[in-house]
């Protein structure tokens, strides 16, 4: 049907106001324009909606039925419009995030419950892995990444600098000795982390510099930093990780730090996202929340 919303609204107002003159005044049109709009609506429907006289209009039985249906439909439409306006301004909907295993387990996931309680209309889909994701093809909104950002189409919000250290269990050091200089690593069992995106082991970083060293890797662990911790805690050998990942093990005495004068190199972690991502309130809310918690 070629009936327009404006004609339907004119009809509804005419019923409620009792004549075309008052309805036209509310709509900001002439009484003649309001009358013509309703006449076209009646022609389209094939029924008379009003009984007319010179000063007053009275809805017919068909008009009363149509008024009830129109009122329900227009009210539903108005509520839908209000919902969409709220959606534009209030955080709601799905946000997809990629975080590395270390930051995901130790930092991101522990704070996520507070975010969900603060923004109950936002759903967060989290991938915890160390692979590089394709933001566009895989439809990710945010990612936490290590190092600097070289793509001008993305924004990076720094979450902090994390300090590296070399760790081993007391039992391993008692049995194999404690390394004093970087060259001593050649005589030790070392486990290195292998990045899934490159298939290569991450170099160990030492001060000053950083000096990047590729120790002889007796053990290569792919895509699972927690495996490195388990290996070292059980007396398997030396590992290099961020301090915050082994705070509990250091406190309990399960691991100790070695080569301390040469370690302490820091790497930045950042929350990155496409420049247009903040147009969505849900994404902006999560970005602001994570950055605030990191400060």
Protein backbone atom coordinates (compact mmCIF):
# COMPACT_ATOMS: atom_id res chain seq x y z
CA UNK A 1 0.00 0.00 0.00
CA UNK A 2 1.19 3.46 -0.88
CA UNK A 3 0.09 5.02 2.39
CA UNK A 4 2.68 7.22 4.03
CA UNK A 5 3.55 7.55 7.66
CA UNK A 6 2.82 11.26 7.50
CA UNK A 7 -0.75 10.60 6.33
CA UNK A 8 -1.27 8.02 9.06
CA UNK A 9 0.06 10.42 11.69
CA UNK A 10 -2.25 13.12 10.32
CA UNK A 11 -5.21 10.77 10.64
CA UNK A 12 -4.29 9.87 14.21
CA UNK A 13 -3.91 13.50 15.26
CA UNK A 14 -7.21 14.43 13.62
CA UNK A 15 -9.01 11.79 15.66
CA UNK A 16 -7.34 12.99 18.84
CA UNK A 17 -7.83 16.73 18.16
CA UNK A 18 -11.39 16.41 16.81
CA UNK A 19 -10.90 18.42 13.59
CA UNK A 20 -8.42 19.13 10.81
CA UNK A 21 -7.68 22.69 11.97
CA UNK A 22 -6.26 21.67 15.34
CA UNK A 23 -4.44 18.67 13.87
CA UNK A 24 -2.90 20.91 11.20
CA UNK A 25 -1.74 23.35 13.86
CA UNK A 26 0.13 20.58 15.70
CA UNK A 27 1.67 19.35 12.45
CA UNK A 28 2.60 22.80 11.19
CA UNK A 29 0.60 22.49 7.95
CA UNK A 30 -2.61 24.05 6.63
CA UNK A 31 -6.01 22.51 7.42
CA UNK A 32 -6.49 21.92 3.69
CA UNK A 33 -3.23 19.92 3.52
CA UNK A 34 -4.28 17.80 6.51
CA UNK A 35 -7.69 17.14 4.95
CA UNK A 36 -6.15 16.15 1.62
CA UNK A 37 -3.72 13.76 3.33
CA UNK A 38 -6.56 11.94 5.08
CA UNK A 39 -8.64 11.89 1.89
CA UNK A 40 -5.77 10.20 0.04
CA UNK A 41 -5.49 7.69 2.87
CA UNK A 42 -9.23 6.92 2.64
CA UNK A 43 -8.93 6.49 -1.11
CA UNK A 44 -6.00 4.13 -0.68
CA UNK A 45 -7.82 2.07 1.97
CA UNK A 46 -11.15 2.14 0.14
CA UNK A 47 -13.13 3.10 3.25
CA UNK A 48 -14.37 6.30 4.86
CA UNK A 49 -12.47 7.02 8.06
CA UNK A 50 -14.48 10.12 9.10
CA UNK A 51 -17.98 11.52 9.01
CA UNK A 52 -17.41 15.19 8.26
CA UNK A 53 -19.30 18.43 8.91
CA UNK A 54 -18.15 22.02 8.67
CA UNK A 55 -16.71 22.21 12.18
CA UNK A 56 -16.14 18.67 13.36
CA UNK A 57 -15.11 15.21 12.17
CA UNK A 58 -16.22 11.95 13.76
CA UNK A 59 -14.44 8.65 13.07
CA UNK A 60 -16.53 5.94 11.47
CA UNK A 61 -16.53 2.39 12.81
CA UNK A 62 -13.77 1.59 10.31
CA UNK A 63 -11.97 4.75 11.42
CA UNK A 64 -12.04 3.67 15.06
CA UNK A 65 -10.60 0.25 14.18
CA UNK A 66 -7.94 1.85 12.01
CA UNK A 67 -7.11 4.39 14.73
CA UNK A 68 -6.53 1.61 17.29
CA UNK A 69 -4.26 -0.28 14.88
CA UNK A 70 -2.39 2.88 13.85
CA UNK A 71 -1.85 3.96 17.44
CA UNK A 72 -0.33 0.61 18.33
CA UNK A 73 1.90 0.62 15.24
CA UNK A 74 3.05 4.23 15.65
CA UNK A 75 3.81 3.72 19.34
CA UNK A 76 5.86 0.62 18.50
CA UNK A 77 7.73 2.55 15.82
CA UNK A 78 8.44 5.41 18.24
CA UNK A 79 9.80 2.94 20.81
CA UNK A 80 12.00 1.35 18.14
CA UNK A 81 13.38 4.78 17.26
CA UNK A 82 14.09 5.49 20.93
CA UNK A 83 15.86 2.14 21.24
CA UNK A 84 18.07 2.92 18.26
CA UNK A 85 18.94 6.34 19.67
CA UNK A 86 19.88 4.76 22.99
CA UNK A 87 21.95 2.16 21.15
CA UNK A 88 23.90 4.93 19.43
CA UNK A 89 24.76 6.55 22.75
CA UNK A 90 24.72 3.72 25.32
CA UNK A 91 27.29 0.90 25.22
CA UNK A 92 25.62 -2.24 23.87
CA UNK A 93 26.35 -5.10 21.50
CA UNK A 94 29.28 -7.40 20.76
CA UNK A 95 32.97 -6.49 21.08
CA UNK A 96 35.57 -8.98 19.77
CA UNK A 97 38.98 -8.90 21.43
CA UNK A 98 42.24 -10.77 20.83
CA UNK A 99 44.68 -10.97 23.75
CA UNK A 100 47.92 -12.94 24.15
CA UNK A 101 47.86 -15.80 26.61
CA UNK A 102 50.04 -14.06 29.18
CA UNK A 103 48.13 -10.81 29.34
CA UNK A 104 44.82 -12.59 28.89
CA UNK A 105 45.18 -14.90 31.89
CA UNK A 106 46.96 -12.52 34.25
CA UNK A 107 45.49 -9.13 33.42
CA UNK A 108 42.58 -9.02 30.99
CA UNK A 109 40.32 -11.82 32.21
CA UNK A 110 40.54 -10.86 35.92
CA UNK A 111 39.24 -7.36 35.12
CA UNK A 112 36.55 -8.45 32.66
CA UNK A 113 33.95 -9.31 35.29
CA UNK A 114 33.94 -5.75 36.60
CA UNK A 115 33.46 -4.44 33.07
CA UNK A 116 30.50 -6.77 32.44
CA UNK A 117 28.82 -5.61 35.64
CA UNK A 118 29.37 -1.97 34.69
CA UNK A 119 28.09 -2.48 31.12
CA UNK A 120 25.56 -5.33 31.19
CA UNK A 121 24.40 -4.69 27.61
CA UNK A 122 27.87 -5.33 26.17
CA UNK A 123 28.96 -8.84 25.17
CA UNK A 124 32.72 -9.50 24.98
CA UNK A 125 34.05 -12.27 22.73
CA UNK A 126 37.66 -12.97 23.76
CA UNK A 127 40.22 -15.00 21.84
CA UNK A 128 43.20 -15.85 24.04
CA UNK A 129 46.07 -16.77 21.74
CA UNK A 130 49.41 -15.49 20.51
CA UNK A 131 48.60 -15.38 16.82
CA UNK A 132 48.30 -12.19 14.81
CA UNK A 133 44.66 -11.69 13.85
CA UNK A 134 43.23 -10.04 10.74
CA UNK A 135 41.02 -7.26 12.10
CA UNK A 136 38.93 -6.88 8.95
CA UNK A 137 38.55 -10.46 7.78
CA UNK A 138 38.01 -11.89 11.26
CA UNK A 139 35.99 -8.90 12.51
CA UNK A 140 38.03 -8.13 15.60
CA UNK A 141 37.52 -4.77 17.31
CA UNK A 142 40.50 -4.74 19.70
CA UNK A 143 43.75 -6.56 20.31
CA UNK A 144 46.47 -6.45 22.94
CA UNK A 145 49.92 -6.65 21.41
CA UNK A 146 53.55 -6.38 22.44
CA UNK A 147 55.95 -3.86 20.95
CA UNK A 148 55.50 -0.80 18.76
CA UNK A 149 52.79 -0.20 16.18
CA UNK A 150 53.82 0.38 12.58
CA UNK A 151 50.41 0.80 10.92
CA UNK A 152 49.03 4.34 10.70
CA UNK A 153 45.47 3.05 10.22
CA UNK A 154 45.47 1.77 13.82
CA UNK A 155 45.56 3.49 17.19
CA UNK A 156 47.70 2.15 20.06
CA UNK A 157 46.89 2.88 23.72
CA UNK A 158 49.77 1.88 25.97
CA UNK A 159 48.88 -0.48 28.80
CA UNK A 160 52.28 -0.60 30.44
CA UNK A 161 55.91 -1.65 30.25
CA UNK A 162 56.58 -5.18 31.39
CA UNK A 163 59.98 -6.25 32.69
CA UNK A 164 61.76 -9.40 31.56
CA UNK A 165 63.76 -11.71 33.80
CA UNK A 166 65.47 -15.11 33.67
CA UNK A 167 64.18 -17.67 36.14
CA UNK A 168 64.88 -21.19 37.34
CA UNK A 169 63.98 -23.39 40.28
CA UNK A 170 66.30 -23.60 43.31
CA UNK A 171 66.67 -27.35 42.69
CA UNK A 172 67.86 -26.81 39.11
CA UNK A 173 70.41 -24.18 40.17
CA UNK A 174 71.68 -26.37 42.99
CA UNK A 175 72.23 -29.23 40.56
CA UNK A 176 73.57 -27.23 37.60
CA UNK A 177 75.03 -24.03 39.02
CA UNK A 178 73.91 -20.43 38.67
CA UNK A 179 74.77 -18.51 35.48
CA UNK A 180 76.64 -15.27 36.15
CA UNK A 181 77.03 -13.87 32.61
CA UNK A 182 75.05 -14.31 29.40
CA UNK A 183 77.72 -16.59 27.93
CA UNK A 184 77.04 -19.07 30.73
CA UNK A 185 73.70 -19.90 29.11
CA UNK A 186 75.53 -22.21 26.71
CA UNK A 187 76.08 -24.64 29.54
CA UNK A 188 72.47 -24.68 30.68
CA UNK A 189 69.16 -26.19 29.65
CA UNK A 190 67.00 -23.38 28.26
CA UNK A 191 63.36 -23.43 27.20
CA UNK A 192 62.24 -20.81 24.67
CA UNK A 193 58.83 -19.65 23.55
CA UNK A 194 58.00 -20.15 19.86
CA UNK A 195 55.68 -17.61 18.23
CA UNK A 196 52.96 -19.39 16.23
CA UNK A 197 52.90 -16.61 13.63
CA UNK A 198 56.60 -17.05 12.74
CA UNK A 199 57.54 -20.51 13.97
CA UNK A 200 60.70 -19.01 15.46
CA UNK A 201 61.79 -18.86 19.06
CA UNK A 202 61.71 -15.47 20.74
CA UNK A 203 65.20 -14.14 21.47
CA UNK A 204 66.11 -13.40 25.05
CA UNK A 205 66.74 -9.73 25.79
CA UNK A 206 69.43 -8.43 28.13
CA UNK A 207 70.79 -5.07 29.23
CA UNK A 208 72.38 -2.87 28.09
CA UNK A 209 70.73 -2.42 24.77
CA UNK A 210 68.79 -4.63 24.54
CA UNK A 211 71.16 -7.36 23.57
CA UNK A 212 69.17 -10.08 21.87
CA UNK A 213 70.48 -13.58 22.44
CA UNK A 214 69.22 -16.85 20.99
CA UNK A 215 70.15 -19.40 23.64
CA UNK A 216 70.59 -22.99 22.63
CA UNK A 217 67.03 -24.21 23.00
CA UNK A 218 66.88 -27.61 24.60
CA UNK A 219 63.10 -27.18 24.77
CA UNK A 220 60.84 -25.19 22.43
CA UNK A 221 57.32 -24.51 23.66
CA UNK A 222 54.76 -23.31 21.14
CA UNK A 223 52.01 -20.85 22.00
CA UNK A 224 51.79 -21.63 25.71
CA UNK A 225 53.73 -19.48 28.15
CA UNK A 226 52.28 -21.38 31.10
CA UNK A 227 54.18 -24.40 29.80
CA UNK A 228 57.44 -22.51 30.31
CA UNK A 229 56.53 -21.83 33.94
CA UNK A 230 55.66 -25.48 34.57
CA UNK A 231 58.95 -26.57 32.98
CA UNK A 232 61.06 -24.25 35.12
CA UNK A 233 59.13 -24.87 38.33
CA UNK A 234 59.71 -28.62 37.96
CA UNK A 235 63.48 -28.07 37.74
CA UNK A 236 63.71 -28.44 33.97
CA UNK A 237 65.93 -25.43 33.28
CA UNK A 238 66.05 -21.70 32.60
CA UNK A 239 63.29 -19.56 31.10
CA UNK A 240 62.88 -15.88 30.27
CA UNK A 241 59.51 -14.32 30.99
CA UNK A 242 57.91 -11.15 32.27
CA UNK A 243 58.12 -10.69 36.03
CA UNK A 244 54.37 -10.31 36.47
CA UNK A 245 53.82 -13.82 35.15
CA UNK A 246 55.85 -15.49 37.89
CA UNK A 247 55.15 -13.24 40.88
CA UNK A 248 53.38 -16.05 42.74
CA UNK A 249 56.17 -18.56 42.06
CA UNK A 250 58.81 -16.06 43.21
CA UNK A 251 56.87 -15.34 46.40
CA UNK A 252 56.51 -19.05 47.18
CA UNK A 253 60.20 -19.70 46.44
CA UNK A 254 59.43 -22.08 43.59
CA UNK A 255 61.45 -19.92 41.19
CA UNK A 256 64.34 -17.51 41.65
CA UNK A 257 65.74 -14.88 39.32
CA UNK A 258 69.24 -15.19 37.86
CA UNK A 259 71.42 -12.82 35.83
CA UNK A 260 69.59 -9.98 37.59
CA UNK A 261 72.18 -7.26 36.79
CA UNK A 262 71.75 -8.01 33.07
CA UNK A 263 67.97 -8.41 33.00
CA UNK A 264 65.34 -5.75 33.55
CA UNK A 265 64.69 -4.94 29.90
CA UNK A 266 61.11 -3.78 29.40
CA UNK A 267 58.71 -4.18 26.49
CA UNK A 268 55.52 -2.17 25.98
CA UNK A 269 52.10 -3.76 25.74
CA UNK A 270 49.39 -1.79 23.92
CA UNK A 271 45.69 -2.01 23.17
CA UNK A 272 45.30 -1.50 19.42
CA UNK A 273 42.24 -0.90 17.29
CA UNK A 274 41.25 0.56 13.89
CA UNK A 275 40.73 4.31 13.99
CA UNK A 276 37.03 3.99 13.20
CA UNK A 277 36.37 1.48 16.01
CA UNK A 278 35.62 4.12 18.65
CA UNK A 279 32.50 5.18 16.75
CA UNK A 280 30.82 2.27 18.57
CA UNK A 281 30.05 3.11 22.22
CA UNK A 282 30.62 -0.49 23.33
CA UNK A 283 34.15 -0.51 21.92
CA UNK A 284 34.91 2.91 23.37
CA UNK A 285 33.67 1.80 26.80
CA UNK A 286 35.93 -1.27 26.81
CA UNK A 287 38.96 0.71 25.60
CA UNK A 288 38.50 3.34 28.31
CA UNK A 289 37.94 0.68 30.97
CA UNK A 290 41.05 -1.37 30.10
CA UNK A 291 43.30 1.69 29.78
CA UNK A 292 42.06 3.10 33.10
CA UNK A 293 42.73 -0.21 34.87
CA UNK A 294 46.24 -0.32 33.40
CA UNK A 295 47.19 3.12 34.75
